[in-house]
Structure formats: C-alpha cells, structure tokens
C-alpha cells in the first residue's frame, strides 16, 4: 500500500477512486509522563515522552487508514492528510485520511 500527499502516485495512473480511507486513534497521557514532562517544561528542551506518544499515534492512524483502504480494494491512498486535536483533558486524537484508489 502506497501513501502519497499528491493527487497521483509517481509512475502510476489512477484507475478508479474508491472513496475516503481514514484511520484514527485517541491517546492519553499518563501521570508518570506528566510528572517528568512537567519538570522538563520548567528546565526547557524537547518533551520526548509526548513526542513519542504522538509519533505512535500517527503510526497507528496510518496503519488503520491502510486497513480501511485495503478493505475497499485499494492499491494506494492519495492526497493523504493528518490532523490532531485535543479530545479531553490529557487526550489527543490523531486522524489520517485520504482518497483510496486503484492503480492501472
């Protein structure tokens, strides 16, 4: 399964558009991370635990989008986009979406 942020996959022609493929996940912080990251926030620097949490959420969203696209019979997903938003205190959603297509 190929993902691209463009309208076409380089070297291939889009045969058919199958609809929107999407995958999302909601991740929450934990108390242990909050304590260590609060200290880091005071002293400055990257909040690595949170970076890792969001990176994992992005990967999971892409995997779920791929599963959705495969269930439609897609070869690729074009125009891939990702968004994140706060859902609740300490929780964040990451969604990946794009157009599932078959290739010639």
PDB file of N, CA and C in Angstrom:
ATOM      1  N   UNK A   1       0.857  -1.178   0.000  1.00  0.00           N
ATOM      2  CA  UNK A   1       0.000   0.000   0.000  1.00  0.00           C
ATOM      3  C   UNK A   1       0.895   1.230   0.000  1.00  0.00           C
ATOM      4  N   UNK A   2       0.659   2.100  -0.956  1.00  0.00           N
ATOM      5  CA  UNK A   2       1.429   3.342  -1.025  1.00  0.00           C
ATOM      6  C   UNK A   2       0.573   4.495  -0.526  1.00  0.00           C
ATOM      7  N   UNK A   3       1.222   5.430   0.182  1.00  0.00           N
ATOM      8  CA  UNK A   3       0.576   6.664   0.613  1.00  0.00           C
ATOM      9  C   UNK A   3       1.344   7.813   0.002  1.00  0.00           C
ATOM     10  N   UNK A   4       0.628   8.768  -0.567  1.00  0.00           N
ATOM     11  CA  UNK A   4       1.269   9.977  -1.082  1.00  0.00           C
ATOM     12  C   UNK A   4       0.408  11.186  -0.728  1.00  0.00           C
ATOM     13  N   UNK A   5       1.059  12.328  -0.619  1.00  0.00           N
ATOM     14  CA  UNK A   5       0.329  13.562  -0.331  1.00  0.00           C
ATOM     15  C   UNK A   5      -0.082  14.275  -1.615  1.00  0.00           C
ATOM     16  N   UNK A   6       0.273  13.697  -2.741  1.00  0.00           N
ATOM     17  CA  UNK A   6      -0.056  14.266  -4.047  1.00  0.00           C
ATOM     18  C   UNK A   6      -1.313  13.600  -4.615  1.00  0.00           C
ATOM     19  N   UNK A   7      -1.800  14.098  -5.749  1.00  0.00           N
ATOM     20  CA  UNK A   7      -3.011  13.556  -6.361  1.00  0.00           C
ATOM     21  C   UNK A   7      -2.780  12.251  -7.103  1.00  0.00           C
ATOM     22  N   UNK A   8      -1.527  11.965  -7.430  1.00  0.00           N
ATOM     23  CA  UNK A   8      -1.207  10.734  -8.151  1.00  0.00           C
ATOM     24  C   UNK A   8       0.026  10.088  -7.532  1.00  0.00           C
ATOM     25  N   UNK A   9       0.194   8.812  -7.829  1.00  0.00           N
ATOM     26  CA  UNK A   9       1.383   8.081  -7.391  1.00  0.00           C
ATOM     27  C   UNK A   9       2.389   8.147  -8.533  1.00  0.00           C
ATOM     28  N   UNK A  10       3.583   8.683  -8.285  1.00  0.00           N
ATOM     29  CA  UNK A  10       4.571   8.792  -9.361  1.00  0.00           C
ATOM     30  C   UNK A  10       4.794   7.459 -10.079  1.00  0.00           C
ATOM     31  N   UNK A  11       4.736   7.510 -11.402  1.00  0.00           N
ATOM     32  CA  UNK A  11       4.952   6.321 -12.220  1.00  0.00           C
ATOM     33  C   UNK A  11       3.713   5.468 -12.424  1.00  0.00           C
ATOM     34  N   UNK A  12       2.571   5.908 -11.878  1.00  0.00           N
ATOM     35  CA  UNK A  12       1.325   5.133 -11.995  1.00  0.00           C
ATOM     36  C   UNK A  12       0.183   6.061 -12.377  1.00  0.00           C
ATOM     37  N   UNK A  13      -0.797   5.486 -13.018  1.00  0.00           N
ATOM     38  CA  UNK A  13      -2.026   6.207 -13.336  1.00  0.00           C
ATOM     39  C   UNK A  13      -3.130   5.724 -12.403  1.00  0.00           C
ATOM     40  N   UNK A  14      -3.938   6.645 -11.908  1.00  0.00           N
ATOM     41  CA  UNK A  14      -5.077   6.276 -11.073  1.00  0.00           C
ATOM     42  C   UNK A  14      -6.156   5.714 -11.983  1.00  0.00           C
ATOM     43  N   UNK A  15      -6.635   4.518 -11.656  1.00  0.00           N
ATOM     44  CA  UNK A  15      -7.676   3.865 -12.442  1.00  0.00           C
ATOM     45  C   UNK A  15      -9.062   4.242 -11.915  1.00  0.00           C
ATOM     46  N   UNK A  16      -9.234   4.138 -10.598  1.00  0.00           N
ATOM     47  CA  UNK A  16     -10.545   4.399 -10.011  1.00  0.00           C
ATOM     48  C   UNK A  16     -10.391   4.955  -8.598  1.00  0.00           C
ATOM     49  N   UNK A  17     -11.242   5.918  -8.294  1.00  0.00           N
ATOM     50  CA  UNK A  17     -11.303   6.471  -6.945  1.00  0.00           C
ATOM     51  C   UNK A  17     -12.369   5.693  -6.172  1.00  0.00           C
ATOM     52  N   UNK A  18     -12.007   5.190  -4.988  1.00  0.00           N
ATOM     53  CA  UNK A  18     -12.906   4.334  -4.230  1.00  0.00           C
ATOM     54  C   UNK A  18     -13.570   5.022  -3.043  1.00  0.00           C
ATOM     55  N   UNK A  19     -13.131   6.223  -2.729  1.00  0.00           N
ATOM     56  CA  UNK A  19     -13.708   6.946  -1.603  1.00  0.00           C
ATOM     57  C   UNK A  19     -12.662   7.284  -0.560  1.00  0.00           C
ATOM     58  N   UNK A  20     -13.120   7.827   0.536  1.00  0.00           N
ATOM     59  CA  UNK A  20     -12.221   8.276   1.590  1.00  0.00           C
ATOM     60  C   UNK A  20     -11.834   7.101   2.480  1.00  0.00           C
ATOM     61  N   UNK A  21     -10.527   6.953   2.664  1.00  0.00           N
ATOM     62  CA  UNK A  21      -9.996   5.982   3.626  1.00  0.00           C
ATOM     63  C   UNK A  21      -9.548   6.791   4.833  1.00  0.00           C
ATOM     64  N   UNK A  22      -9.832   6.276   6.016  1.00  0.00           N
ATOM     65  CA  UNK A  22      -9.436   7.019   7.201  1.00  0.00           C
ATOM     66  C   UNK A  22      -9.036   6.064   8.307  1.00  0.00           C
ATOM     67  N   UNK A  23      -8.245   6.591   9.207  1.00  0.00           N
ATOM     68  CA  UNK A  23      -7.852   5.851  10.398  1.00  0.00           C
ATOM     69  C   UNK A  23      -7.577   6.850  11.499  1.00  0.00           C
ATOM     70  N   UNK A  24      -8.060   6.555  12.683  1.00  0.00           N
ATOM     71  CA  UNK A  24      -7.810   7.485  13.784  1.00  0.00           C
ATOM     72  C   UNK A  24      -7.519   6.729  15.063  1.00  0.00           C
ATOM     73  N   UNK A  25      -6.952   7.441  16.010  1.00  0.00           N
ATOM     74  CA  UNK A  25      -6.706   6.908  17.336  1.00  0.00           C
ATOM     75  C   UNK A  25      -6.747   8.060  18.327  1.00  0.00           C
ATOM     76  N   UNK A  26      -7.087   7.749  19.545  1.00  0.00           N
ATOM     77  CA  UNK A  26      -7.064   8.732  20.625  1.00  0.00           C
ATOM     78  C   UNK A  26      -6.111   8.195  21.683  1.00  0.00           C
ATOM     79  N   UNK A  27      -5.136   8.987  22.019  1.00  0.00           N
ATOM     80  CA  UNK A  27      -4.138   8.602  23.013  1.00  0.00           C
ATOM     81  C   UNK A  27      -4.226   9.562  24.203  1.00  0.00           C
ATOM     82  N   UNK A  28      -3.954   9.016  25.375  1.00  0.00           N
ATOM     83  CA  UNK A  28      -3.980   9.834  26.591  1.00  0.00           C
ATOM     84  C   UNK A  28      -2.613   9.812  27.256  1.00  0.00           C
ATOM     85  N   UNK A  29      -2.279  10.904  27.895  1.00  0.00           N
ATOM     86  CA  UNK A  29      -1.054  10.981  28.683  1.00  0.00           C
ATOM     87  C   UNK A  29      -1.251  10.140  29.929  1.00  0.00           C
ATOM     88  N   UNK A  30      -0.140   9.852  30.618  1.00  0.00           N
ATOM     89  CA  UNK A  30      -0.275   9.181  31.905  1.00  0.00           C
ATOM     90  C   UNK A  30       0.422  10.003  32.977  1.00  0.00           C
ATOM     91  N   UNK A  31       0.107   9.721  34.225  1.00  0.00           N
ATOM     92  CA  UNK A  31       0.602  10.519  35.343  1.00  0.00           C
ATOM     93  C   UNK A  31       2.127  10.521  35.403  1.00  0.00           C
ATOM     94  N   UNK A  32       2.745   9.365  35.199  1.00  0.00           N
ATOM     95  CA  UNK A  32       4.208   9.288  35.237  1.00  0.00           C
ATOM     96  C   UNK A  32       4.855  10.195  34.212  1.00  0.00           C
ATOM     97  N   UNK A  33       4.317  10.177  33.006  1.00  0.00           N
ATOM     98  CA  UNK A  33       4.850  11.060  31.955  1.00  0.00           C
ATOM     99  C   UNK A  33       4.623  12.516  32.298  1.00  0.00           C
ATOM    100  N   UNK A  34       3.438  12.819  32.833  1.00  0.00           N
ATOM    101  CA  UNK A  34       3.127  14.210  33.171  1.00  0.00           C
ATOM    102  C   UNK A  34       4.113  14.786  34.180  1.00  0.00           C
ATOM    103  N   UNK A  35       4.501  13.990  35.175  1.00  0.00           N
ATOM    104  CA  UNK A  35       5.438  14.470  36.182  1.00  0.00           C
ATOM    105  C   UNK A  35       6.797  14.761  35.562  1.00  0.00           C
ATOM    106  N   UNK A  36       7.332  13.803  34.797  1.00  0.00           N
ATOM    107  CA  UNK A  36       8.660  14.009  34.202  1.00  0.00           C
ATOM    108  C   UNK A  36       8.637  15.117  33.153  1.00  0.00           C
ATOM    109  N   UNK A  37       7.553  15.218  32.397  1.00  0.00           N
ATOM    110  CA  UNK A  37       7.476  16.243  31.362  1.00  0.00           C
ATOM    111  C   UNK A  37       7.248  17.626  31.954  1.00  0.00           C
ATOM    112  N   UNK A  38       6.601  17.707  33.110  1.00  0.00           N
ATOM    113  CA  UNK A  38       6.435  18.992  33.794  1.00  0.00           C
ATOM    114  C   UNK A  38       7.786  19.550  34.216  1.00  0.00           C
ATOM    115  N   UNK A  39       8.648  18.679  34.707  1.00  0.00           N
ATOM    116  CA  UNK A  39      10.000  19.098  35.086  1.00  0.00           C
ATOM    117  C   UNK A  39      10.759  19.572  33.855  1.00  0.00           C
ATOM    118  N   UNK A  40      10.641  18.833  32.760  1.00  0.00           N
ATOM    119  CA  UNK A  40      11.320  19.198  31.509  1.00  0.00           C
ATOM    120  C   UNK A  40      10.792  20.530  31.001  1.00  0.00           C
ATOM    121  N   UNK A  41       9.506  20.762  31.170  1.00  0.00           N
ATOM    122  CA  UNK A  41       8.896  22.008  30.717  1.00  0.00           C
ATOM    123  C   UNK A  41       9.487  23.207  31.467  1.00  0.00           C
ATOM    124  N   UNK A  42       9.836  23.023  32.732  1.00  0.00           N
ATOM    125  CA  UNK A  42      10.436  24.090  33.533  1.00  0.00           C
ATOM    126  C   UNK A  42      11.873  24.356  33.080  1.00  0.00           C
ATOM    127  N   UNK A  43      12.626  23.281  32.851  1.00  0.00           N
ATOM    128  CA  UNK A  43      14.043  23.422  32.508  1.00  0.00           C
ATOM    129  C   UNK A  43      14.280  23.670  31.024  1.00  0.00           C
ATOM    130  N   UNK A  44      13.300  23.385  30.207  1.00  0.00           N
ATOM    131  CA  UNK A  44      13.435  23.594  28.762  1.00  0.00           C
ATOM    132  C   UNK A  44      13.884  22.330  28.058  1.00  0.00           C
ATOM    133  N   UNK A  45      13.656  22.279  26.786  1.00  0.00           N
ATOM    134  CA  UNK A  45      14.046  21.128  25.982  1.00  0.00           C
ATOM    135  C   UNK A  45      12.829  20.402  25.420  1.00  0.00           C
ATOM    136  N   UNK A  46      13.128  19.407  24.625  1.00  0.00           N
ATOM    137  CA  UNK A  46      12.070  18.621  23.987  1.00  0.00           C
ATOM    138  C   UNK A  46      11.339  17.773  25.018  1.00  0.00           C
ATOM    139  N   UNK A  47      10.033  17.694  24.876  1.00  0.00           N
ATOM    140  CA  UNK A  47       9.217  16.823  25.714  1.00  0.00           C
ATOM    141  C   UNK A  47       9.134  15.463  25.012  1.00  0.00           C
ATOM    142  N   UNK A  48      10.200  14.685  25.141  1.00  0.00           N
ATOM    143  CA  UNK A  48      10.363  13.450  24.365  1.00  0.00           C
ATOM    144  C   UNK A  48       9.241  12.441  24.575  1.00  0.00           C
ATOM    145  N   UNK A  49       8.754  12.314  25.797  1.00  0.00           N
ATOM    146  CA  UNK A  49       7.674  11.352  26.047  1.00  0.00           C
ATOM    147  C   UNK A  49       6.427  11.721  25.248  1.00  0.00           C
ATOM    148  N   UNK A  50       6.131  13.013  25.150  1.00  0.00           N
ATOM    149  CA  UNK A  50       4.968  13.443  24.381  1.00  0.00           C
ATOM    150  C   UNK A  50       5.224  13.311  22.877  1.00  0.00           C
ATOM    151  N   UNK A  51       6.446  13.600  22.447  1.00  0.00           N
ATOM    152  CA  UNK A  51       6.794  13.417  21.034  1.00  0.00           C
ATOM    153  C   UNK A  51       6.621  11.959  20.635  1.00  0.00           C
ATOM    154  N   UNK A  52       7.065  11.068  21.511  1.00  0.00           N
ATOM    155  CA  UNK A  52       6.946   9.633  21.273  1.00  0.00           C
ATOM    156  C   UNK A  52       5.475   9.212  21.230  1.00  0.00           C
ATOM    157  N   UNK A  53       4.676   9.730  22.151  1.00  0.00           N
ATOM    158  CA  UNK A  53       3.255   9.414  22.209  1.00  0.00           C
ATOM    159  C   UNK A  53       2.556   9.820  20.911  1.00  0.00           C
ATOM    160  N   UNK A  54       2.834  11.019  20.425  1.00  0.00           N
ATOM    161  CA  UNK A  54       2.195  11.484  19.185  1.00  0.00           C
ATOM    162  C   UNK A  54       2.724  10.753  17.964  1.00  0.00           C
ATOM    163  N   UNK A  55       4.000  10.398  17.970  1.00  0.00           N
ATOM    164  CA  UNK A  55       4.565   9.624  16.863  1.00  0.00           C
ATOM    165  C   UNK A  55       3.887   8.258  16.775  1.00  0.00           C
ATOM    166  N   UNK A  56       3.705   7.608  17.911  1.00  0.00           N
ATOM    167  CA  UNK A  56       2.999   6.327  17.943  1.00  0.00           C
ATOM    168  C   UNK A  56       1.563   6.483  17.448  1.00  0.00           C
ATOM    169  N   UNK A  57       0.911   7.572  17.842  1.00  0.00           N
ATOM    170  CA  UNK A  57      -0.468   7.820  17.413  1.00  0.00           C
ATOM    171  C   UNK A  57      -0.537   8.028  15.902  1.00  0.00           C
ATOM    172  N   UNK A  58       0.432   8.742  15.332  1.00  0.00           N
ATOM    173  CA  UNK A  58       0.451   8.940  13.873  1.00  0.00           C
ATOM    174  C   UNK A  58       0.627   7.608  13.154  1.00  0.00           C
ATOM    175  N   UNK A  59       1.568   6.795  13.641  1.00  0.00           N
ATOM    176  CA  UNK A  59       1.803   5.485  13.012  1.00  0.00           C
ATOM    177  C   UNK A  59       0.552   4.613  13.073  1.00  0.00           C
ATOM    178  N   UNK A  60      -0.105   4.600  14.215  1.00  0.00           N
ATOM    179  CA  UNK A  60      -1.318   3.801  14.371  1.00  0.00           C
ATOM    180  C   UNK A  60      -2.430   4.298  13.454  1.00  0.00           C
ATOM    181  N   UNK A  61      -2.558   5.598  13.314  1.00  0.00           N
ATOM    182  CA  UNK A  61      -3.572   6.171  12.425  1.00  0.00           C
ATOM    183  C   UNK A  61      -3.314   5.771  10.974  1.00  0.00           C
ATOM    184  N   UNK A  62      -2.054   5.824  10.552  1.00  0.00           N
ATOM    185  CA  UNK A  62      -1.707   5.424   9.183  1.00  0.00           C
ATOM    186  C   UNK A  62      -1.988   3.940   8.957  1.00  0.00           C
ATOM    187  N   UNK A  63      -1.678   3.104   9.934  1.00  0.00           N
ATOM    188  CA  UNK A  63      -1.958   1.671   9.816  1.00  0.00           C
ATOM    189  C   UNK A  63      -3.459   1.430   9.671  1.00  0.00           C
ATOM    190  N   UNK A  64      -4.248   2.125  10.464  1.00  0.00           N
ATOM    191  CA  UNK A  64      -5.703   1.960  10.386  1.00  0.00           C
ATOM    192  C   UNK A  64      -6.262   2.486   9.071  1.00  0.00           C
ATOM    193  N   UNK A  65      -5.676   3.566   8.539  1.00  0.00           N
ATOM    194  CA  UNK A  65      -6.092   4.076   7.240  1.00  0.00           C
ATOM    195  C   UNK A  65      -5.786   3.037   6.162  1.00  0.00           C
ATOM    196  N   UNK A  66      -4.608   2.410   6.241  1.00  0.00           N
ATOM    197  CA  UNK A  66      -4.232   1.379   5.273  1.00  0.00           C
ATOM    198  C   UNK A  66      -5.214   0.209   5.327  1.00  0.00           C
ATOM    199  N   UNK A  67      -5.598  -0.212   6.526  1.00  0.00           N
ATOM    200  CA  UNK A  67      -6.568  -1.296   6.676  1.00  0.00           C
ATOM    201  C   UNK A  67      -7.907  -0.919   6.048  1.00  0.00           C
ATOM    202  N   UNK A  68      -8.334   0.326   6.254  1.00  0.00           N
ATOM    203  CA  UNK A  68      -9.589   0.799   5.676  1.00  0.00           C
ATOM    204  C   UNK A  68      -9.502   0.788   4.153  1.00  0.00           C
ATOM    205  N   UNK A  69      -8.385   1.287   3.617  1.00  0.00           N
ATOM    206  CA  UNK A  69      -8.203   1.323   2.161  1.00  0.00           C
ATOM    207  C   UNK A  69      -8.150  -0.089   1.582  1.00  0.00           C
ATOM    208  N   UNK A  70      -7.456  -0.993   2.252  1.00  0.00           N
ATOM    209  CA  UNK A  70      -7.379  -2.377   1.780  1.00  0.00           C
ATOM    210  C   UNK A  70      -8.750  -3.034   1.766  1.00  0.00           C
ATOM    211  N   UNK A  71      -9.587  -2.713   2.747  1.00  0.00           N
ATOM    212  CA  UNK A  71     -10.941  -3.293   2.787  1.00  0.00           C
ATOM    213  C   UNK A  71     -11.786  -2.822   1.604  1.00  0.00           C
ATOM    214  N   UNK A  72     -11.404  -1.685   1.002  1.00  0.00           N
ATOM    215  CA  UNK A  72     -12.102  -1.173  -0.188  1.00  0.00           C
ATOM    216  C   UNK A  72     -11.505  -1.733  -1.475  1.00  0.00           C
ATOM    217  N   UNK A  73     -10.369  -2.434  -1.374  1.00  0.00           N
ATOM    218  CA  UNK A  73      -9.702  -2.960  -2.560  1.00  0.00           C
ATOM    219  C   UNK A  73      -8.725  -1.989  -3.184  1.00  0.00           C
ATOM    220  N   UNK A  74      -8.244  -1.034  -2.411  1.00  0.00           N
ATOM    221  CA  UNK A  74      -7.339  -0.005  -2.937  1.00  0.00           C
ATOM    222  C   UNK A  74      -5.906  -0.515  -3.071  1.00  0.00           C
ATOM    223  N   UNK A  75      -5.195   0.096  -4.012  1.00  0.00           N
ATOM    224  CA  UNK A  75      -3.758  -0.139  -4.190  1.00  0.00           C
ATOM    225  C   UNK A  75      -2.942   0.950  -3.506  1.00  0.00           C
ATOM    226  N   UNK A  76      -3.562   2.126  -3.330  1.00  0.00           N
ATOM    227  CA  UNK A  76      -2.851   3.276  -2.781  1.00  0.00           C
ATOM    228  C   UNK A  76      -3.847   4.254  -2.176  1.00  0.00           C
ATOM    229  N   UNK A  77      -3.299   5.198  -1.398  1.00  0.00           N
ATOM    230  CA  UNK A  77      -4.108   6.300  -0.878  1.00  0.00           C
ATOM    231  C   UNK A  77      -3.395   7.583  -1.282  1.00  0.00           C
ATOM    232  N   UNK A  78      -4.116   8.448  -1.990  1.00  0.00           N
ATOM    233  CA  UNK A  78      -3.549   9.713  -2.464  1.00  0.00           C
ATOM    234  C   UNK A  78      -4.130  10.867  -1.637  1.00  0.00           C
ATOM    235  N   UNK A  79      -3.492  12.018  -1.753  1.00  0.00           N
ATOM    236  CA  UNK A  79      -3.912  13.211  -1.007  1.00  0.00           C
ATOM    237  C   UNK A  79      -3.992  12.948   0.500  1.00  0.00           C
ATOM    238  N   UNK A  80      -3.027  12.213   1.029  1.00  0.00           N
ATOM    239  CA  UNK A  80      -3.040  11.870   2.452  1.00  0.00           C
ATOM    240  C   UNK A  80      -2.822  13.117   3.300  1.00  0.00           C
ATOM    241  N   UNK A  81      -3.639  13.239   4.330  1.00  0.00           N
ATOM    242  CA  UNK A  81      -3.537  14.338   5.277  1.00  0.00           C
ATOM    243  C   UNK A  81      -3.620  13.769   6.678  1.00  0.00           C
ATOM    244  N   UNK A  82      -3.050  14.495   7.627  1.00  0.00           N
ATOM    245  CA  UNK A  82      -3.123  14.107   9.033  1.00  0.00           C
ATOM    246  C   UNK A  82      -3.492  15.332   9.853  1.00  0.00           C
ATOM    247  N   UNK A  83      -4.306  15.105  10.862  1.00  0.00           N
ATOM    248  CA  UNK A  83      -4.691  16.183  11.768  1.00  0.00           C
ATOM    249  C   UNK A  83      -4.678  15.650  13.183  1.00  0.00           C
ATOM    250  N   UNK A  84      -4.515  16.564  14.118  1.00  0.00           N
ATOM    251  CA  UNK A  84      -4.619  16.184  15.522  1.00  0.00           C
ATOM    252  C   UNK A  84      -5.452  17.220  16.247  1.00  0.00           C
ATOM    253  N   UNK A  85      -6.082  16.772  17.322  1.00  0.00           N
ATOM    254  CA  UNK A  85      -6.892  17.687  18.109  1.00  0.00           C
ATOM    255  C   UNK A  85      -6.996  17.166  19.533  1.00  0.00           C
ATOM    256  N   UNK A  86      -7.256  18.074  20.445  1.00  0.00           N
ATOM    257  CA  UNK A  86      -7.477  17.701  21.839  1.00  0.00           C
ATOM    258  C   UNK A  86      -8.911  17.204  21.972  1.00  0.00           C
ATOM    259  N   UNK A  87      -9.075  16.065  22.602  1.00  0.00           N
ATOM    260  CA  UNK A  87     -10.404  15.487  22.785  1.00  0.00           C
ATOM    261  C   UNK A  87     -10.902  15.751  24.208  1.00  0.00           C
ATOM    262  N   UNK A  88     -10.048  15.506  25.164  1.00  0.00           N
ATOM    263  CA  UNK A  88     -10.390  15.687  26.577  1.00  0.00           C
ATOM    264  C   UNK A  88      -9.126  16.117  27.298  1.00  0.00           C
ATOM    265  N   UNK A  89      -9.252  16.452  28.551  1.00  0.00           N
ATOM    266  CA  UNK A  89      -8.087  16.839  29.325  1.00  0.00           C
ATOM    267  C   UNK A  89      -7.068  15.700  29.309  1.00  0.00           C
ATOM    268  N   UNK A  90      -5.950  15.918  28.638  1.00  0.00           N
ATOM    269  CA  UNK A  90      -4.906  14.897  28.580  1.00  0.00           C
ATOM    270  C   UNK A  90      -5.042  13.925  27.433  1.00  0.00           C
ATOM    271  N   UNK A  91      -6.065  14.051  26.597  1.00  0.00           N
ATOM    272  CA  UNK A  91      -6.260  13.140  25.466  1.00  0.00           C
ATOM    273  C   UNK A  91      -6.159  13.868  24.144  1.00  0.00           C
ATOM    274  N   UNK A  92      -5.614  13.191  23.153  1.00  0.00           N
ATOM    275  CA  UNK A  92      -5.453  13.796  21.837  1.00  0.00           C
ATOM    276  C   UNK A  92      -5.805  12.783  20.755  1.00  0.00           C
ATOM    277  N   UNK A  93      -6.536  13.240  19.743  1.00  0.00           N
ATOM    278  CA  UNK A  93      -6.877  12.395  18.599  1.00  0.00           C
ATOM    279  C   UNK A  93      -5.935  12.723  17.452  1.00  0.00           C
ATOM    280  N   UNK A  94      -5.513  11.691  16.745  1.00  0.00           N
ATOM    281  CA  UNK A  94      -4.784  11.861  15.501  1.00  0.00           C
ATOM    282  C   UNK A  94      -5.563  11.098  14.437  1.00  0.00           C
ATOM    283  N   UNK A  95      -5.843  11.762  13.325  1.00  0.00           N
ATOM    284  CA  UNK A  95      -6.565  11.121  12.227  1.00  0.00           C
ATOM    285  C   UNK A  95      -5.756  11.258  10.946  1.00  0.00           C
ATOM    286  N   UNK A  96      -5.711  10.174  10.189  1.00  0.00           N
ATOM    287  CA  UNK A  96      -5.087  10.166   8.866  1.00  0.00           C
ATOM    288  C   UNK A  96      -6.199   9.864   7.865  1.00  0.00           C
ATOM    289  N   UNK A  97      -6.222  10.588   6.743  1.00  0.00           N
ATOM    290  CA  UNK A  97      -7.245  10.337   5.759  1.00  0.00           C
ATOM    291  C   UNK A  97      -6.732  10.697   4.373  1.00  0.00           C
ATOM    292  N   UNK A  98      -7.369  10.113   3.378  1.00  0.00           N
ATOM    293  CA  UNK A  98      -7.016  10.376   2.000  1.00  0.00           C
ATOM    294  C   UNK A  98      -7.988   9.654   1.088  1.00  0.00           C
ATOM    295  N   UNK A  99      -7.734   9.703  -0.203  1.00  0.00           N
ATOM    296  CA  UNK A  99      -8.593   9.057  -1.184  1.00  0.00           C
ATOM    297  C   UNK A  99      -8.001   7.710  -1.558  1.00  0.00           C
ATOM    298  N   UNK A 100      -8.786   6.653  -1.329  1.00  0.00           N
ATOM    299  CA  UNK A 100      -8.367   5.308  -1.697  1.00  0.00           C
ATOM    300  C   UNK A 100      -8.559   5.154  -3.207  1.00  0.00           C
ATOM    301  N   UNK A 101      -7.535   4.628  -3.879  1.00  0.00           N
ATOM    302  CA  UNK A 101      -7.600   4.475  -5.333  1.00  0.00           C
ATOM    303  C   UNK A 101      -7.040   3.123  -5.766  1.00  0.00           C
ATOM    304  N   UNK A 102      -7.466   2.706  -6.955  1.00  0.00           N
ATOM    305  CA  UNK A 102      -6.798   1.586  -7.609  1.00  0.00           C
ATOM    306  C   UNK A 102      -5.902   2.178  -8.686  1.00  0.00           C
ATOM    307  N   UNK A 103      -4.820   1.479  -8.981  1.00  0.00           N
ATOM    308  CA  UNK A 103      -3.865   1.948  -9.969  1.00  0.00           C
ATOM    309  C   UNK A 103      -3.904   1.061 -11.204  1.00  0.00           C
ATOM    310  N   UNK A 104      -3.613   1.657 -12.358  1.00  0.00           N
ATOM    311  CA  UNK A 104      -3.549   0.869 -13.607  1.00  0.00           C
ATOM    312  C   UNK A 104      -2.303   0.027 -13.625  1.00  0.00           C
TER     313      UNK A 104
END
